[in-house]
């Protein structure tokens, strides 16, 4: 019994030791297209006329043109994200994919779970869904192998 308890404690320490490393906003661009943890201070919450919100994580004395990272939340995600005003002046830890846009990194905030280590809300690629309708019963993407007509080659054909 003691051996089992020791093994559980050791494995618990191992899991705790493999915690995800968080990066500062200045390092975000080095991790473009990666799912990372960002640790930052929110200096301001800015809302645009179209409902897009930004968490400003750059020091106020830094000119806007020199700010290389921002956290963006779209209007359509407001329900899943919730109120952001409470994060103003707070240190946050957020998880998400860093998208590179020219010389700036952008992390899309589309679910409140991201503040607690959860993943972004999955969004299907609209290009893959083009022409799909649940009523027509067709596939959600265009696959040449599923098209009718014409002659098909197969590497699995055997000679008779």
N, C-alpha and C. Protein backbone atom coordinates (compact mmCIF):
# COMPACT_ATOMS: atom_id res chain seq x y z
N UNK A 1 0.82 -1.19 0.00
CA UNK A 1 0.00 0.00 0.00
C UNK A 1 0.87 1.26 0.00
N UNK A 2 1.95 1.23 0.82
CA UNK A 2 2.84 2.38 0.88
C UNK A 2 3.52 2.64 -0.46
N UNK A 3 3.88 1.56 -1.15
CA UNK A 3 4.54 1.70 -2.44
C UNK A 3 3.60 2.39 -3.43
N UNK A 4 2.33 1.99 -3.42
CA UNK A 4 1.34 2.60 -4.31
C UNK A 4 1.17 4.09 -4.00
N UNK A 5 1.13 4.43 -2.70
CA UNK A 5 1.00 5.83 -2.30
C UNK A 5 2.22 6.64 -2.76
N UNK A 6 3.41 6.08 -2.61
CA UNK A 6 4.63 6.76 -3.05
C UNK A 6 4.62 6.98 -4.56
N UNK A 7 4.20 5.92 -5.31
CA UNK A 7 4.13 6.06 -6.76
C UNK A 7 3.15 7.14 -7.17
N UNK A 8 2.01 7.23 -6.48
CA UNK A 8 1.03 8.28 -6.79
C UNK A 8 1.61 9.66 -6.52
N UNK A 9 2.32 9.80 -5.41
CA UNK A 9 2.91 11.11 -5.08
C UNK A 9 3.99 11.48 -6.09
N UNK A 10 4.80 10.50 -6.48
CA UNK A 10 5.86 10.78 -7.46
C UNK A 10 5.25 11.16 -8.80
N UNK A 11 4.22 10.43 -9.26
CA UNK A 11 3.61 10.76 -10.54
C UNK A 11 2.92 12.12 -10.48
N UNK A 12 2.36 12.48 -9.33
CA UNK A 12 1.75 13.81 -9.16
C UNK A 12 2.77 14.91 -9.30
N UNK A 13 3.97 14.68 -8.74
CA UNK A 13 5.04 15.65 -8.86
C UNK A 13 5.48 15.75 -10.32
N UNK A 14 5.54 14.61 -11.00
CA UNK A 14 5.93 14.61 -12.41
C UNK A 14 4.94 15.42 -13.24
N UNK A 15 3.64 15.22 -13.03
CA UNK A 15 2.65 15.97 -13.79
C UNK A 15 2.74 17.45 -13.48
N UNK A 16 2.96 17.79 -12.21
CA UNK A 16 3.07 19.20 -11.85
C UNK A 16 4.30 19.82 -12.51
N UNK A 17 5.37 19.02 -12.67
CA UNK A 17 6.60 19.52 -13.27
C UNK A 17 6.47 19.75 -14.77
N UNK A 18 5.44 19.17 -15.40
CA UNK A 18 5.28 19.32 -16.85
C UNK A 18 4.27 20.41 -17.19
N UNK A 19 4.06 21.33 -16.28
CA UNK A 19 3.11 22.42 -16.54
C UNK A 19 3.56 23.22 -17.75
N UNK A 20 2.60 23.75 -18.46
CA UNK A 20 2.85 24.52 -19.67
C UNK A 20 3.60 25.81 -19.34
N UNK A 21 4.64 26.09 -20.13
CA UNK A 21 5.40 27.33 -19.96
C UNK A 21 4.59 28.48 -20.56
N UNK A 22 4.51 29.56 -19.84
CA UNK A 22 3.82 30.76 -20.34
C UNK A 22 4.86 31.76 -20.84
N UNK A 23 4.49 32.47 -21.89
CA UNK A 23 5.39 33.44 -22.49
C UNK A 23 4.87 34.85 -22.27
N UNK A 24 5.79 35.80 -22.29
CA UNK A 24 5.44 37.22 -22.21
C UNK A 24 4.94 37.67 -23.57
N UNK A 25 4.12 38.72 -23.63
CA UNK A 25 3.62 39.21 -24.93
C UNK A 25 4.74 39.52 -25.93
N UNK A 26 5.89 39.97 -25.44
CA UNK A 26 7.01 40.30 -26.32
C UNK A 26 7.55 39.06 -27.05
N UNK A 27 7.31 37.87 -26.49
CA UNK A 27 7.80 36.62 -27.07
C UNK A 27 6.76 35.95 -27.98
N UNK A 28 5.56 36.48 -28.02
CA UNK A 28 4.45 35.82 -28.72
C UNK A 28 4.73 35.57 -30.20
N UNK A 29 5.32 36.53 -30.90
CA UNK A 29 5.58 36.37 -32.33
C UNK A 29 6.53 35.22 -32.63
N UNK A 30 7.35 34.85 -31.67
CA UNK A 30 8.27 33.73 -31.86
C UNK A 30 7.51 32.39 -31.85
N UNK A 31 6.25 32.44 -31.49
CA UNK A 31 5.44 31.22 -31.37
C UNK A 31 4.21 31.29 -32.29
N UNK A 32 4.38 31.93 -33.44
CA UNK A 32 3.27 32.07 -34.39
C UNK A 32 2.75 30.70 -34.81
N UNK A 33 1.43 30.61 -34.93
CA UNK A 33 0.73 29.38 -35.32
C UNK A 33 0.89 28.25 -34.32
N UNK A 34 1.18 28.59 -33.09
CA UNK A 34 1.30 27.60 -32.03
C UNK A 34 0.28 27.90 -30.94
N UNK A 35 -0.21 26.83 -30.31
CA UNK A 35 -1.11 26.95 -29.17
C UNK A 35 -0.22 27.15 -27.94
N UNK A 36 -0.25 28.35 -27.38
CA UNK A 36 0.65 28.68 -26.27
C UNK A 36 -0.11 29.34 -25.12
N UNK A 37 0.61 29.46 -24.04
CA UNK A 37 0.12 30.19 -22.87
C UNK A 37 0.83 31.54 -22.85
N UNK A 38 0.06 32.60 -22.68
CA UNK A 38 0.62 33.96 -22.60
C UNK A 38 0.29 34.53 -21.22
N UNK A 39 1.28 35.09 -20.57
CA UNK A 39 1.08 35.74 -19.28
C UNK A 39 1.32 37.23 -19.49
N UNK A 40 0.32 38.04 -19.15
CA UNK A 40 0.41 39.46 -19.46
C UNK A 40 -0.36 40.29 -18.44
N UNK A 41 -0.10 41.58 -18.48
CA UNK A 41 -0.86 42.55 -17.69
C UNK A 41 -1.77 43.29 -18.66
N UNK A 42 -3.04 43.39 -18.31
CA UNK A 42 -4.00 44.11 -19.16
C UNK A 42 -4.03 45.56 -18.71
N UNK A 43 -3.53 46.44 -19.56
CA UNK A 43 -3.50 47.86 -19.24
C UNK A 43 -4.83 48.53 -19.58
N UNK A 44 -5.48 48.03 -20.61
CA UNK A 44 -6.73 48.67 -21.03
C UNK A 44 -7.59 47.66 -21.79
N UNK A 45 -8.89 47.90 -21.79
CA UNK A 45 -9.83 47.13 -22.60
C UNK A 45 -10.45 48.13 -23.56
N UNK A 46 -10.25 47.90 -24.86
CA UNK A 46 -10.71 48.84 -25.88
C UNK A 46 -11.81 48.17 -26.70
N UNK A 47 -12.92 48.89 -26.89
CA UNK A 47 -14.00 48.38 -27.72
C UNK A 47 -14.17 49.29 -28.92
N UNK A 48 -14.17 48.66 -30.10
CA UNK A 48 -14.34 49.39 -31.35
C UNK A 48 -15.83 49.59 -31.63
N UNK A 49 -16.15 50.44 -32.58
CA UNK A 49 -17.55 50.72 -32.94
C UNK A 49 -18.28 49.47 -33.43
N UNK A 50 -17.55 48.53 -34.06
CA UNK A 50 -18.19 47.32 -34.58
C UNK A 50 -18.35 46.22 -33.52
N UNK A 51 -17.95 46.49 -32.27
CA UNK A 51 -18.11 45.52 -31.19
C UNK A 51 -16.88 44.67 -30.93
N UNK A 52 -15.86 44.79 -31.76
CA UNK A 52 -14.60 44.07 -31.54
C UNK A 52 -13.93 44.66 -30.31
N UNK A 53 -13.43 43.77 -29.45
CA UNK A 53 -12.76 44.23 -28.23
C UNK A 53 -11.30 43.78 -28.23
N UNK A 54 -10.44 44.60 -27.66
CA UNK A 54 -9.02 44.30 -27.55
C UNK A 54 -8.60 44.40 -26.10
N UNK A 55 -7.78 43.45 -25.66
CA UNK A 55 -7.11 43.57 -24.38
C UNK A 55 -5.73 44.14 -24.69
N UNK A 56 -5.50 45.37 -24.26
CA UNK A 56 -4.23 46.05 -24.52
C UNK A 56 -3.23 45.59 -23.47
N UNK A 57 -2.20 44.84 -23.93
CA UNK A 57 -1.21 44.30 -23.01
C UNK A 57 0.15 44.99 -23.16
N UNK A 58 0.16 46.14 -23.85
CA UNK A 58 1.40 46.90 -24.02
C UNK A 58 1.42 48.08 -23.05
N UNK A 59 2.58 48.36 -22.54
CA UNK A 59 2.73 49.47 -21.57
C UNK A 59 2.23 50.77 -22.19
N UNK A 60 1.56 51.61 -21.40
CA UNK A 60 1.00 52.86 -21.92
C UNK A 60 2.03 53.79 -22.57
N UNK A 61 3.28 53.77 -22.09
CA UNK A 61 4.31 54.65 -22.67
C UNK A 61 4.82 54.14 -24.02
N UNK A 62 4.48 52.91 -24.40
CA UNK A 62 4.89 52.35 -25.68
C UNK A 62 3.96 52.85 -26.78
N UNK A 63 4.51 53.46 -27.85
CA UNK A 63 3.65 53.93 -28.94
C UNK A 63 2.89 52.76 -29.57
N UNK A 64 1.68 53.03 -30.06
CA UNK A 64 0.85 51.98 -30.65
C UNK A 64 1.57 51.22 -31.76
N UNK A 65 2.34 51.92 -32.56
CA UNK A 65 3.06 51.28 -33.66
C UNK A 65 4.15 50.32 -33.19
N UNK A 66 4.57 50.45 -31.96
CA UNK A 66 5.62 49.58 -31.42
C UNK A 66 5.06 48.37 -30.67
N UNK A 67 3.77 48.35 -30.44
CA UNK A 67 3.14 47.24 -29.74
C UNK A 67 3.06 46.05 -30.70
N UNK A 68 3.63 44.92 -30.33
CA UNK A 68 3.74 43.77 -31.22
C UNK A 68 2.81 42.62 -30.88
N UNK A 69 1.88 42.83 -29.93
CA UNK A 69 0.97 41.75 -29.55
C UNK A 69 -0.33 42.33 -28.99
N UNK A 70 -1.43 41.69 -29.34
CA UNK A 70 -2.73 42.08 -28.80
C UNK A 70 -3.62 40.85 -28.67
N UNK A 71 -4.61 40.96 -27.83
CA UNK A 71 -5.61 39.91 -27.65
C UNK A 71 -6.92 40.47 -28.17
N UNK A 72 -7.52 39.78 -29.14
CA UNK A 72 -8.70 40.27 -29.84
C UNK A 72 -9.90 39.37 -29.54
N UNK A 73 -11.05 39.99 -29.30
CA UNK A 73 -12.30 39.26 -29.10
C UNK A 73 -13.36 39.87 -30.01
N UNK A 74 -13.92 39.03 -30.87
CA UNK A 74 -14.91 39.53 -31.84
C UNK A 74 -16.29 39.67 -31.19
N UNK A 75 -17.12 40.51 -31.79
CA UNK A 75 -18.48 40.76 -31.28
C UNK A 75 -19.28 39.47 -31.20
N UNK A 76 -19.15 38.60 -32.21
CA UNK A 76 -19.94 37.37 -32.24
C UNK A 76 -19.57 36.40 -31.12
N UNK A 77 -18.42 36.61 -30.48
CA UNK A 77 -17.99 35.73 -29.39
C UNK A 77 -18.30 36.30 -28.01
N UNK A 78 -18.99 37.42 -27.97
CA UNK A 78 -19.25 38.11 -26.70
C UNK A 78 -19.93 37.21 -25.66
N UNK A 79 -20.87 36.39 -26.09
CA UNK A 79 -21.60 35.53 -25.16
C UNK A 79 -20.66 34.49 -24.51
N UNK A 80 -19.77 33.89 -25.31
CA UNK A 80 -18.85 32.88 -24.79
C UNK A 80 -17.71 33.48 -23.97
N UNK A 81 -17.34 34.72 -24.30
CA UNK A 81 -16.22 35.37 -23.62
C UNK A 81 -16.67 36.09 -22.35
N UNK A 82 -17.80 36.76 -22.42
CA UNK A 82 -18.29 37.50 -21.26
C UNK A 82 -17.70 38.90 -21.17
N UNK A 83 -17.90 39.53 -20.03
CA UNK A 83 -17.44 40.89 -19.79
C UNK A 83 -15.93 40.91 -19.60
N UNK A 84 -15.25 41.79 -20.31
CA UNK A 84 -13.79 41.88 -20.21
C UNK A 84 -13.32 43.03 -19.32
N UNK A 85 -14.22 43.90 -18.93
CA UNK A 85 -13.83 45.07 -18.12
C UNK A 85 -13.15 44.68 -16.82
N UNK A 86 -13.51 43.55 -16.26
CA UNK A 86 -12.91 43.10 -15.00
C UNK A 86 -11.44 42.75 -15.11
N UNK A 87 -10.95 42.59 -16.33
CA UNK A 87 -9.54 42.26 -16.54
C UNK A 87 -8.65 43.49 -16.62
N UNK A 88 -9.25 44.67 -16.72
CA UNK A 88 -8.47 45.91 -16.80
C UNK A 88 -7.63 46.06 -15.52
N UNK A 89 -6.34 46.28 -15.71
CA UNK A 89 -5.42 46.45 -14.57
C UNK A 89 -5.03 45.13 -13.90
N UNK A 90 -5.38 44.00 -14.50
CA UNK A 90 -5.10 42.70 -13.90
C UNK A 90 -4.01 41.95 -14.67
N UNK A 91 -3.33 41.06 -13.97
CA UNK A 91 -2.42 40.13 -14.61
C UNK A 91 -3.24 38.92 -15.03
N UNK A 92 -3.05 38.46 -16.26
CA UNK A 92 -3.82 37.34 -16.76
C UNK A 92 -2.90 36.27 -17.33
N UNK A 93 -3.43 35.07 -17.41
CA UNK A 93 -2.82 33.97 -18.11
C UNK A 93 -3.88 33.50 -19.09
N UNK A 94 -3.52 33.41 -20.36
CA UNK A 94 -4.49 33.06 -21.39
C UNK A 94 -3.85 32.07 -22.36
N UNK A 95 -4.66 31.15 -22.86
CA UNK A 95 -4.18 30.14 -23.80
C UNK A 95 -4.83 30.37 -25.16
N UNK A 96 -4.06 30.16 -26.21
CA UNK A 96 -4.61 30.28 -27.56
C UNK A 96 -3.53 30.20 -28.61
N UNK A 97 -3.94 30.27 -29.86
CA UNK A 97 -3.02 30.22 -30.99
C UNK A 97 -2.62 31.64 -31.35
N UNK A 98 -1.33 31.86 -31.47
CA UNK A 98 -0.82 33.17 -31.86
C UNK A 98 -0.82 33.23 -33.38
N UNK A 99 -1.54 34.20 -33.92
CA UNK A 99 -1.61 34.42 -35.37
C UNK A 99 -0.73 35.62 -35.70
N UNK A 100 0.12 35.46 -36.70
CA UNK A 100 1.00 36.55 -37.11
C UNK A 100 0.31 37.39 -38.16
N UNK A 101 0.25 38.69 -37.93
CA UNK A 101 -0.35 39.63 -38.85
C UNK A 101 0.66 40.74 -39.09
N UNK A 102 1.36 40.68 -40.22
CA UNK A 102 2.46 41.59 -40.53
C UNK A 102 3.50 41.48 -39.43
N UNK A 103 3.70 42.50 -38.63
CA UNK A 103 4.72 42.45 -37.58
C UNK A 103 4.07 42.41 -36.19
N UNK A 104 2.84 41.92 -36.13
CA UNK A 104 2.14 41.87 -34.85
C UNK A 104 1.56 40.48 -34.61
N UNK A 105 1.60 40.04 -33.36
CA UNK A 105 0.98 38.78 -32.98
C UNK A 105 -0.41 39.06 -32.43
N UNK A 106 -1.36 38.22 -32.80
CA UNK A 106 -2.74 38.38 -32.34
C UNK A 106 -3.21 37.04 -31.77
N UNK A 107 -3.76 37.07 -30.59
CA UNK A 107 -4.37 35.89 -30.00
C UNK A 107 -5.86 36.11 -30.00
N UNK A 108 -6.60 35.19 -30.57
CA UNK A 108 -8.05 35.30 -30.65
C UNK A 108 -8.67 34.74 -29.37
N UNK A 109 -9.39 35.59 -28.67
CA UNK A 109 -10.11 35.20 -27.46
C UNK A 109 -11.56 34.98 -27.86
N UNK A 110 -11.99 33.70 -27.90
CA UNK A 110 -13.37 33.43 -28.28
C UNK A 110 -14.11 32.55 -27.28
N UNK A 111 -13.47 32.28 -26.13
CA UNK A 111 -14.11 31.49 -25.09
C UNK A 111 -13.46 31.82 -23.75
N UNK A 112 -14.27 32.03 -22.73
CA UNK A 112 -13.75 32.38 -21.39
C UNK A 112 -12.86 31.27 -20.83
N UNK A 113 -13.01 30.04 -21.31
CA UNK A 113 -12.17 28.93 -20.84
C UNK A 113 -10.69 29.19 -21.07
N UNK A 114 -10.37 30.03 -22.05
CA UNK A 114 -8.98 30.31 -22.37
C UNK A 114 -8.25 30.96 -21.20
N UNK A 115 -8.97 31.63 -20.32
CA UNK A 115 -8.35 32.24 -19.14
C UNK A 115 -7.99 31.20 -18.09
N UNK A 116 -8.48 29.99 -18.26
CA UNK A 116 -8.26 28.93 -17.27
C UNK A 116 -7.56 27.72 -17.88
N UNK A 117 -6.82 27.93 -18.98
CA UNK A 117 -6.06 26.86 -19.61
C UNK A 117 -6.81 26.09 -20.68
N UNK A 118 -8.08 26.45 -20.93
CA UNK A 118 -8.87 25.76 -21.95
C UNK A 118 -8.53 26.22 -23.35
N UNK A 119 -8.91 25.41 -24.31
CA UNK A 119 -8.64 25.74 -25.72
C UNK A 119 -9.64 26.74 -26.26
N UNK A 120 -9.26 27.33 -27.39
CA UNK A 120 -10.17 28.21 -28.12
C UNK A 120 -11.37 27.40 -28.57
N UNK A 121 -12.49 28.07 -28.78
CA UNK A 121 -13.68 27.43 -29.32
C UNK A 121 -13.39 27.04 -30.77
N UNK A 122 -13.68 25.80 -31.14
CA UNK A 122 -13.40 25.32 -32.50
C UNK A 122 -14.29 26.05 -33.51
N UNK A 123 -13.69 26.49 -34.59
CA UNK A 123 -14.43 27.12 -35.67
C UNK A 123 -14.07 26.41 -36.97
N UNK A 124 -15.04 25.81 -37.65
CA UNK A 124 -14.74 25.11 -38.90
C UNK A 124 -14.27 26.09 -39.98
N UNK A 125 -13.46 25.58 -40.88
CA UNK A 125 -12.97 26.38 -42.00
C UNK A 125 -14.11 26.58 -42.98
N UNK A 126 -14.55 27.83 -43.23
CA UNK A 126 -15.68 28.06 -44.12
C UNK A 126 -15.42 27.61 -45.55
N UNK A 127 -14.16 27.58 -45.99
CA UNK A 127 -13.85 27.13 -47.35
C UNK A 127 -14.20 25.65 -47.52
N UNK A 128 -14.07 24.88 -46.47
CA UNK A 128 -14.39 23.45 -46.55
C UNK A 128 -15.88 23.20 -46.52
N UNK A 129 -16.64 24.14 -45.98
CA UNK A 129 -18.08 23.96 -45.86
C UNK A 129 -18.86 24.54 -47.03
N UNK A 130 -18.17 25.09 -48.01
CA UNK A 130 -18.83 25.72 -49.16
C UNK A 130 -19.77 24.73 -49.84
N UNK A 131 -21.02 25.11 -49.98
CA UNK A 131 -22.00 24.29 -50.68
C UNK A 131 -22.60 23.17 -49.84
N UNK A 132 -22.20 23.05 -48.60
CA UNK A 132 -22.74 21.98 -47.76
C UNK A 132 -24.09 22.37 -47.18
N UNK A 133 -24.98 21.44 -47.21
CA UNK A 133 -26.28 21.64 -46.59
C UNK A 133 -26.69 20.31 -45.96
N UNK A 134 -27.15 20.35 -44.75
CA UNK A 134 -27.56 19.13 -44.06
C UNK A 134 -28.74 18.48 -44.78
N UNK A 135 -29.52 19.27 -45.49
CA UNK A 135 -30.69 18.73 -46.19
C UNK A 135 -30.32 17.89 -47.41
N UNK A 136 -29.20 18.24 -48.07
CA UNK A 136 -28.88 17.51 -49.29
C UNK A 136 -28.15 16.19 -49.04
N UNK A 137 -27.71 15.97 -47.80
CA UNK A 137 -27.08 14.71 -47.44
C UNK A 137 -25.71 14.50 -48.05
N UNK A 138 -25.16 15.51 -48.70
CA UNK A 138 -23.85 15.38 -49.31
C UNK A 138 -22.74 15.57 -48.30
N UNK A 139 -21.51 15.27 -48.70
CA UNK A 139 -20.39 15.47 -47.79
C UNK A 139 -20.14 16.96 -47.55
N UNK A 140 -19.46 17.26 -46.46
CA UNK A 140 -19.18 18.64 -46.09
C UNK A 140 -18.01 19.23 -46.86
N UNK A 141 -17.36 18.44 -47.70
CA UNK A 141 -16.22 18.92 -48.46
C UNK A 141 -16.21 18.24 -49.83
N UNK A 142 -15.46 18.81 -50.72
CA UNK A 142 -15.39 18.26 -52.07
C UNK A 142 -14.21 17.28 -52.14
N UNK A 143 -14.52 16.02 -52.32
CA UNK A 143 -13.50 14.99 -52.42
C UNK A 143 -13.61 14.33 -53.79
N UNK A 144 -12.59 14.44 -54.63
CA UNK A 144 -12.67 13.87 -55.98
C UNK A 144 -12.98 12.38 -55.98
N UNK A 145 -12.62 11.67 -54.93
CA UNK A 145 -12.86 10.23 -54.87
C UNK A 145 -14.34 9.91 -54.70
N UNK A 146 -15.15 10.87 -54.28
CA UNK A 146 -16.58 10.61 -54.08
C UNK A 146 -17.43 11.08 -55.25
N UNK A 147 -16.80 11.69 -56.25
CA UNK A 147 -17.56 12.16 -57.42
C UNK A 147 -17.88 10.99 -58.33
N UNK A 148 -19.04 11.05 -58.93
CA UNK A 148 -19.44 9.99 -59.86
C UNK A 148 -18.95 10.27 -61.26
N UNK A 149 -19.04 9.27 -62.13
CA UNK A 149 -18.68 9.46 -63.54
C UNK A 149 -17.20 9.35 -63.77
N UNK A 150 -16.86 9.07 -65.02
CA UNK A 150 -15.46 8.99 -65.37
C UNK A 150 -14.82 7.71 -64.88
N UNK A 151 -13.63 7.51 -65.31
CA UNK A 151 -12.90 6.31 -64.93
C UNK A 151 -11.94 6.65 -63.80
N UNK A 152 -11.85 5.79 -62.83
CA UNK A 152 -10.95 6.02 -61.70
C UNK A 152 -9.82 5.02 -61.71
N UNK A 153 -8.69 5.47 -61.30
CA UNK A 153 -7.57 4.57 -61.13
C UNK A 153 -7.48 4.21 -59.66
N UNK A 154 -7.00 3.05 -59.40
CA UNK A 154 -6.82 2.65 -58.02
C UNK A 154 -5.54 1.85 -57.89
N UNK A 155 -4.81 2.11 -56.86
CA UNK A 155 -3.59 1.34 -56.62
C UNK A 155 -3.95 -0.02 -56.05
N UNK A 156 -5.23 -0.21 -55.71
CA UNK A 156 -5.66 -1.47 -55.10
C UNK A 156 -6.24 -2.44 -56.12
N UNK A 157 -6.33 -2.06 -57.39
CA UNK A 157 -6.85 -2.97 -58.41
C UNK A 157 -5.87 -4.11 -58.60
N UNK A 158 -6.43 -5.26 -58.78
CA UNK A 158 -5.57 -6.43 -59.00
C UNK A 158 -5.84 -6.97 -60.38
N UNK A 159 -4.84 -7.60 -60.95
CA UNK A 159 -4.98 -8.19 -62.29
C UNK A 159 -5.75 -9.50 -62.14
N UNK A 160 -6.62 -9.78 -63.09
CA UNK A 160 -7.40 -11.03 -63.05
C UNK A 160 -6.82 -12.04 -63.94
